[in-house]
Amino acid sequence: MLFLVNFVTAYHNLIKKQIIVDGFHRAVALESEIKGRKSKSIPPIRIWECYGNLVHTIFPFEFSHLMKPLY
């Protein structure tokens, strides 16, 4: 059975920061899958990237500690 793991990351062009916005539970599933396999090889991983100057408006909670006030 093919096990494909998806991660979503976001890169903010202005502050030059990249974070994983959706992946913690997938990381746990990936670790569990690797531990359960005989070969211990990493299954295929797909990374979806979101980027731009306004990604903090799409992911406000994830970027809140990285953004500085403009005043």
PDB file of N, CA and C in Angstrom:
ATOM      1  N   MET A   1       0.834  -1.189   0.000  1.00  0.00           N
ATOM      2  CA  MET A   1       0.000   0.000   0.000  1.00  0.00           C
ATOM      3  C   MET A   1       0.882   1.258   0.000  1.00  0.00           C
ATOM      4  N   LEU A   2       0.617   2.172  -0.910  1.00  0.00           N
ATOM      5  CA  LEU A   2       1.381   3.416  -1.010  1.00  0.00           C
ATOM      6  C   LEU A   2       0.879   4.409   0.026  1.00  0.00           C
ATOM      7  N   PHE A   3       1.771   4.930   0.800  1.00  0.00           N
ATOM      8  CA  PHE A   3       1.456   5.884   1.850  1.00  0.00           C
ATOM      9  C   PHE A   3       2.083   7.209   1.464  1.00  0.00           C
ATOM     10  N   LEU A   4       1.278   8.203   1.111  1.00  0.00           N
ATOM     11  CA  LEU A   4       1.786   9.505   0.688  1.00  0.00           C
ATOM     12  C   LEU A   4       1.492  10.535   1.774  1.00  0.00           C
ATOM     13  N   VAL A   5       2.503  11.269   2.185  1.00  0.00           N
ATOM     14  CA  VAL A   5       2.367  12.280   3.223  1.00  0.00           C
ATOM     15  C   VAL A   5       2.375  13.654   2.564  1.00  0.00           C
ATOM     16  N   ASN A   6       1.418  14.498   2.935  1.00  0.00           N
ATOM     17  CA  ASN A   6       1.339  15.866   2.418  1.00  0.00           C
ATOM     18  C   ASN A   6       1.693  16.858   3.521  1.00  0.00           C
ATOM     19  N   PHE A   7       2.554  17.810   3.202  1.00  0.00           N
ATOM     20  CA  PHE A   7       2.890  18.903   4.098  1.00  0.00           C
ATOM     21  C   PHE A   7       2.538  20.214   3.404  1.00  0.00           C
ATOM     22  N   VAL A   8       2.029  21.172   4.171  1.00  0.00           N
ATOM     23  CA  VAL A   8       1.735  22.507   3.648  1.00  0.00           C
ATOM     24  C   VAL A   8       2.677  23.480   4.340  1.00  0.00           C
ATOM     25  N   THR A   9       3.427  24.240   3.538  1.00  0.00           N
ATOM     26  CA  THR A   9       4.323  25.242   4.096  1.00  0.00           C
ATOM     27  C   THR A   9       3.927  26.615   3.570  1.00  0.00           C
ATOM     28  N   ALA A  10       4.371  27.643   4.274  1.00  0.00           N
ATOM     29  CA  ALA A  10       4.107  29.016   3.848  1.00  0.00           C
ATOM     30  C   ALA A  10       5.400  29.812   3.956  1.00  0.00           C
ATOM     31  N   TYR A  11       5.697  30.563   2.908  1.00  0.00           N
ATOM     32  CA  TYR A  11       6.888  31.412   2.884  1.00  0.00           C
ATOM     33  C   TYR A  11       6.439  32.855   2.722  1.00  0.00           C
ATOM     34  N   HIS A  12       6.877  33.713   3.648  1.00  0.00           N
ATOM     35  CA  HIS A  12       6.528  35.137   3.597  1.00  0.00           C
ATOM     36  C   HIS A  12       7.686  35.887   2.954  1.00  0.00           C
ATOM     37  N   ASN A  13       7.436  36.480   1.801  1.00  0.00           N
ATOM     38  CA  ASN A  13       8.491  37.146   1.035  1.00  0.00           C
ATOM     39  C   ASN A  13       9.119  38.332   1.752  1.00  0.00           C
ATOM     40  N   LEU A  14       8.326  39.083   2.531  1.00  0.00           N
ATOM     41  CA  LEU A  14       8.857  40.291   3.158  1.00  0.00           C
ATOM     42  C   LEU A  14       9.732  40.008   4.373  1.00  0.00           C
ATOM     43  N   ILE A  15       9.358  39.036   5.173  1.00  0.00           N
ATOM     44  CA  ILE A  15      10.149  38.745   6.373  1.00  0.00           C
ATOM     45  C   ILE A  15      11.107  37.570   6.174  1.00  0.00           C
ATOM     46  N   LYS A  16      11.061  36.960   4.991  1.00  0.00           N
ATOM     47  CA  LYS A  16      11.974  35.862   4.633  1.00  0.00           C
ATOM     48  C   LYS A  16      11.906  34.691   5.623  1.00  0.00           C
ATOM     49  N   LYS A  17      10.676  34.291   5.962  1.00  0.00           N
ATOM     50  CA  LYS A  17      10.471  33.174   6.884  1.00  0.00           C
ATOM     51  C   LYS A  17       9.583  32.126   6.230  1.00  0.00           C
ATOM     52  N   GLN A  18       9.928  30.858   6.462  1.00  0.00           N
ATOM     53  CA  GLN A  18       9.119  29.754   5.980  1.00  0.00           C
ATOM     54  C   GLN A  18       8.738  28.892   7.170  1.00  0.00           C
ATOM     55  N   ILE A  19       7.475  28.504   7.237  1.00  0.00           N
ATOM     56  CA  ILE A  19       7.005  27.666   8.323  1.00  0.00           C
ATOM     57  C   ILE A  19       6.143  26.536   7.771  1.00  0.00           C
ATOM     58  N   ILE A  20       6.073  25.471   8.526  1.00  0.00           N
ATOM     59  CA  ILE A  20       5.135  24.394   8.204  1.00  0.00           C
ATOM     60  C   ILE A  20       3.825  24.752   8.879  1.00  0.00           C
ATOM     61  N   VAL A  21       2.778  24.957   8.092  1.00  0.00           N
ATOM     62  CA  VAL A  21       1.495  25.373   8.657  1.00  0.00           C
ATOM     63  C   VAL A  21       0.551  24.203   8.858  1.00  0.00           C
ATOM     64  N   ASP A  22       0.834  23.100   8.239  1.00  0.00           N
ATOM     65  CA  ASP A  22      -0.003  21.915   8.401  1.00  0.00           C
ATOM     66  C   ASP A  22       0.885  20.708   8.194  1.00  0.00           C
ATOM     67  N   GLY A  23       1.274  20.084   9.262  1.00  0.00           N
ATOM     68  CA  GLY A  23       2.167  18.960   9.092  1.00  0.00           C
ATOM     69  C   GLY A  23       2.458  18.194  10.363  1.00  0.00           C
ATOM     70  N   PHE A  24       2.114  18.745  11.528  1.00  0.00           N
ATOM     71  CA  PHE A  24       2.465  18.074  12.780  1.00  0.00           C
ATOM     72  C   PHE A  24       1.862  16.680  12.860  1.00  0.00           C
ATOM     73  N   HIS A  25       0.563  16.588  12.634  1.00  0.00           N
ATOM     74  CA  HIS A  25      -0.083  15.278  12.713  1.00  0.00           C
ATOM     75  C   HIS A  25       0.408  14.362  11.596  1.00  0.00           C
ATOM     76  N   ARG A  26       0.718  14.942  10.466  1.00  0.00           N
ATOM     77  CA  ARG A  26       1.257  14.135   9.374  1.00  0.00           C
ATOM     78  C   ARG A  26       2.660  13.644   9.721  1.00  0.00           C
ATOM     79  N   ALA A  27       3.427  14.460  10.434  1.00  0.00           N
ATOM     80  CA  ALA A  27       4.758  14.031  10.848  1.00  0.00           C
ATOM     81  C   ALA A  27       4.663  12.851  11.804  1.00  0.00           C
ATOM     82  N   VAL A  28       3.689  12.883  12.696  1.00  0.00           N
ATOM     83  CA  VAL A  28       3.485  11.760  13.611  1.00  0.00           C
ATOM     84  C   VAL A  28       3.072  10.524  12.826  1.00  0.00           C
ATOM     85  N   ALA A  29       2.196  10.694  11.858  1.00  0.00           N
ATOM     86  CA  ALA A  29       1.773   9.562  11.022  1.00  0.00           C
ATOM     87  C   ALA A  29       2.944   9.021  10.218  1.00  0.00           C
ATOM     88  N   LEU A  30       3.790   9.906   9.715  1.00  0.00           N
ATOM     89  CA  LEU A  30       4.966   9.487   8.952  1.00  0.00           C
ATOM     90  C   LEU A  30       5.908   8.672   9.837  1.00  0.00           C
ATOM     91  N   GLU A  31       6.160   9.163  11.039  1.00  0.00           N
ATOM     92  CA  GLU A  31       7.029   8.430  11.962  1.00  0.00           C
ATOM     93  C   GLU A  31       6.448   7.060  12.296  1.00  0.00           C
ATOM     94  N   SER A  32       5.161   7.018  12.534  1.00  0.00           N
ATOM     95  CA  SER A  32       4.487   5.759  12.832  1.00  0.00           C
ATOM     96  C   SER A  32       4.589   4.790  11.662  1.00  0.00           C
ATOM     97  N   GLU A  33       4.399   5.309  10.460  1.00  0.00           N
ATOM     98  CA  GLU A  33       4.479   4.474   9.257  1.00  0.00           C
ATOM     99  C   GLU A  33       5.887   3.913   9.073  1.00  0.00           C
ATOM    100  N   ILE A  34       6.898   4.733   9.306  1.00  0.00           N
ATOM    101  CA  ILE A  34       8.280   4.278   9.146  1.00  0.00           C
ATOM    102  C   ILE A  34       8.614   3.207  10.179  1.00  0.00           C
ATOM    103  N   LYS A  35       8.174   3.425  11.412  1.00  0.00           N
ATOM    104  CA  LYS A  35       8.451   2.443  12.470  1.00  0.00           C
ATOM    105  C   LYS A  35       7.766   1.117  12.196  1.00  0.00           C
ATOM    106  N   GLY A  36       6.618   1.148  11.527  1.00  0.00           N
ATOM    107  CA  GLY A  36       5.870  -0.061  11.253  1.00  0.00           C
ATOM    108  C   GLY A  36       6.337  -0.823  10.023  1.00  0.00           C
ATOM    109  N   ARG A  37       7.210  -0.238   9.231  1.00  0.00           N
ATOM    110  CA  ARG A  37       7.686  -0.880   7.995  1.00  0.00           C
ATOM    111  C   ARG A  37       8.888  -1.757   8.257  1.00  0.00           C
ATOM    112  N   LYS A  38       9.020  -2.754   7.434  1.00  0.00           N
ATOM    113  CA  LYS A  38      10.193  -3.628   7.537  1.00  0.00           C
ATOM    114  C   LYS A  38      11.434  -2.941   6.971  1.00  0.00           C
ATOM    115  N   SER A  39      11.258  -2.168   5.904  1.00  0.00           N
ATOM    116  CA  SER A  39      12.415  -1.567   5.234  1.00  0.00           C
ATOM    117  C   SER A  39      12.885  -0.278   5.897  1.00  0.00           C
ATOM    118  N   LYS A  40      12.042   0.367   6.693  1.00  0.00           N
ATOM    119  CA  LYS A  40      12.358   1.626   7.391  1.00  0.00           C
ATOM    120  C   LYS A  40      12.665   2.776   6.437  1.00  0.00           C
ATOM    121  N   SER A  41      12.267   2.633   5.183  1.00  0.00           N
ATOM    122  CA  SER A  41      12.483   3.727   4.246  1.00  0.00           C
ATOM    123  C   SER A  41      11.372   4.768   4.391  1.00  0.00           C
ATOM    124  N   ILE A  42      11.676   5.977   4.027  1.00  0.00           N
ATOM    125  CA  ILE A  42      10.704   7.069   4.132  1.00  0.00           C
ATOM    126  C   ILE A  42       9.738   6.988   2.955  1.00  0.00           C
ATOM    127  N   PRO A  43       8.432   7.025   3.222  1.00  0.00           N
ATOM    128  CA  PRO A  43       7.466   6.984   2.123  1.00  0.00           C
ATOM    129  C   PRO A  43       7.488   8.295   1.338  1.00  0.00           C
ATOM    130  N   PRO A  44       6.873   8.335   0.166  1.00  0.00           N
ATOM    131  CA  PRO A  44       6.843   9.562  -0.632  1.00  0.00           C
ATOM    132  C   PRO A  44       6.193  10.717   0.131  1.00  0.00           C
ATOM    133  N   ILE A  45       6.747  11.906  -0.050  1.00  0.00           N
ATOM    134  CA  ILE A  45       6.242  13.106   0.615  1.00  0.00           C
ATOM    135  C   ILE A  45       5.953  14.157  -0.450  1.00  0.00           C
ATOM    136  N   ARG A  46       4.804  14.808  -0.325  1.00  0.00           N
ATOM    137  CA  ARG A  46       4.436  15.906  -1.230  1.00  0.00           C
ATOM    138  C   ARG A  46       4.373  17.183  -0.395  1.00  0.00           C
ATOM    139  N   ILE A  47       5.037  18.234  -0.868  1.00  0.00           N
ATOM    140  CA  ILE A  47       5.039  19.514  -0.159  1.00  0.00           C
ATOM    141  C   ILE A  47       4.286  20.540  -0.991  1.00  0.00           C
ATOM    142  N   TRP A  48       3.272  21.142  -0.381  1.00  0.00           N
ATOM    143  CA  TRP A  48       2.490  22.198  -1.018  1.00  0.00           C
ATOM    144  C   TRP A  48       2.983  23.517  -0.436  1.00  0.00           C
ATOM    145  N   GLU A  49       3.429  24.422  -1.292  1.00  0.00           N
ATOM    146  CA  GLU A  49       4.009  25.680  -0.861  1.00  0.00           C
ATOM    147  C   GLU A  49       3.069  26.839  -1.159  1.00  0.00           C
ATOM    148  N   CYS A  50       2.850  27.662  -0.160  1.00  0.00           N
ATOM    149  CA  CYS A  50       2.097  28.910  -0.316  1.00  0.00           C
ATOM    150  C   CYS A  50       3.105  30.029  -0.051  1.00  0.00           C
ATOM    151  N   TYR A  51       3.158  31.027  -0.926  1.00  0.00           N
ATOM    152  CA  TYR A  51       4.128  32.093  -0.709  1.00  0.00           C
ATOM    153  C   TYR A  51       3.577  33.424  -1.184  1.00  0.00           C
ATOM    154  N   GLY A  52       4.153  34.486  -0.642  1.00  0.00           N
ATOM    155  CA  GLY A  52       3.756  35.825  -1.044  1.00  0.00           C
ATOM    156  C   GLY A  52       3.959  36.824   0.086  1.00  0.00           C
ATOM    157  N   ASN A  53       3.543  38.063  -0.174  1.00  0.00           N
ATOM    158  CA  ASN A  53       3.689  39.141   0.797  1.00  0.00           C
ATOM    159  C   ASN A  53       2.567  39.175   1.821  1.00  0.00           C
ATOM    160  N   LEU A  54       1.487  38.446   1.579  1.00  0.00           N
ATOM    161  CA  LEU A  54       0.328  38.505   2.477  1.00  0.00           C
ATOM    162  C   LEU A  54      -0.060  37.143   3.050  1.00  0.00           C
ATOM    163  N   VAL A  55       0.868  36.199   3.110  1.00  0.00           N
ATOM    164  CA  VAL A  55       0.511  34.879   3.648  1.00  0.00           C
ATOM    165  C   VAL A  55       0.100  34.958   5.109  1.00  0.00           C
ATOM    166  N   HIS A  56       0.522  36.007   5.818  1.00  0.00           N
ATOM    167  CA  HIS A  56       0.105  36.160   7.218  1.00  0.00           C
ATOM    168  C   HIS A  56      -1.395  36.414   7.336  1.00  0.00           C
ATOM    169  N   THR A  57      -2.031  36.857   6.255  1.00  0.00           N
ATOM    170  CA  THR A  57      -3.488  37.029   6.294  1.00  0.00           C
ATOM    171  C   THR A  57      -4.208  35.698   6.078  1.00  0.00           C
ATOM    172  N   ILE A  58      -3.555  34.768   5.419  1.00  0.00           N
ATOM    173  CA  ILE A  58      -4.125  33.435   5.211  1.00  0.00           C
ATOM    174  C   ILE A  58      -3.887  32.567   6.440  1.00  0.00           C
ATOM    175  N   PHE A  59      -2.709  32.707   7.050  1.00  0.00           N
ATOM    176  CA  PHE A  59      -2.330  31.922   8.222  1.00  0.00           C
ATOM    177  C   PHE A  59      -1.980  32.865   9.373  1.00  0.00           C
ATOM    178  N   PRO A  60      -2.951  33.611   9.898  1.00  0.00           N
ATOM    179  CA  PRO A  60      -2.637  34.633  10.915  1.00  0.00           C
ATOM    180  C   PRO A  60      -2.063  34.057  12.210  1.00  0.00           C
ATOM    181  N   PHE A  61      -2.569  32.939  12.661  1.00  0.00           N
ATOM    182  CA  PHE A  61      -2.078  32.369  13.919  1.00  0.00           C
ATOM    183  C   PHE A  61      -0.634  31.908  13.788  1.00  0.00           C
ATOM    184  N   GLU A  62      -0.313  31.284  12.682  1.00  0.00           N
ATOM    185  CA  GLU A  62       1.020  30.739  12.487  1.00  0.00           C
ATOM    186  C   GLU A  62       2.091  31.819  12.350  1.00  0.00           C
ATOM    187  N   PHE A  63       1.712  32.990  11.803  1.00  0.00           N
ATOM    188  CA  PHE A  63       2.684  34.058  11.587  1.00  0.00           C
ATOM    189  C   PHE A  63       2.630  35.157  12.656  1.00  0.00           C
ATOM    190  N   SER A  64       1.688  35.077  13.597  1.00  0.00           N
ATOM    191  CA  SER A  64       1.489  36.166  14.550  1.00  0.00           C
ATOM    192  C   SER A  64       2.746  36.483  15.374  1.00  0.00           C
ATOM    193  N   HIS A  65       3.520  35.483  15.734  1.00  0.00           N
ATOM    194  CA  HIS A  65       4.718  35.714  16.531  1.00  0.00           C
ATOM    195  C   HIS A  65       5.906  36.186  15.693  1.00  0.00           C
ATOM    196  N   LEU A  66       5.777  36.160  14.378  1.00  0.00           N
ATOM    197  CA  LEU A  66       6.873  36.575  13.491  1.00  0.00           C
ATOM    198  C   LEU A  66       6.686  37.976  12.928  1.00  0.00           C
ATOM    199  N   MET A  67       5.460  38.478  12.977  1.00  0.00           N
ATOM    200  CA  MET A  67       5.169  39.777  12.383  1.00  0.00           C
ATOM    201  C   MET A  67       5.424  40.893  13.394  1.00  0.00           C
ATOM    202  N   LYS A  68       6.032  41.983  12.932  1.00  0.00           N
ATOM    203  CA  LYS A  68       6.276  43.156  13.775  1.00  0.00           C
ATOM    204  C   LYS A  68       5.275  44.231  13.376  1.00  0.00           C
ATOM    205  N   PRO A  69       4.821  45.027  14.343  1.00  0.00           N
ATOM    206  CA  PRO A  69       3.930  46.149  13.989  1.00  0.00           C
ATOM    207  C   PRO A  69       4.634  47.123  13.044  1.00  0.00           C
ATOM    208  N   LEU A  70       3.874  47.719  12.143  1.00  0.00           N
ATOM    209  CA  LEU A  70       4.450  48.644  11.172  1.00  0.00           C
ATOM    210  C   LEU A  70       4.617  50.063  11.690  1.00  0.00           C
ATOM    211  N   TYR A  71       4.160  50.343  12.890  1.00  0.00           N
ATOM    212  CA  TYR A  71       4.276  51.704  13.438  1.00  0.00           C
ATOM    213  C   TYR A  71       5.523  51.879  14.252  1.00  0.00           C
TER     214      TYR A  71
END
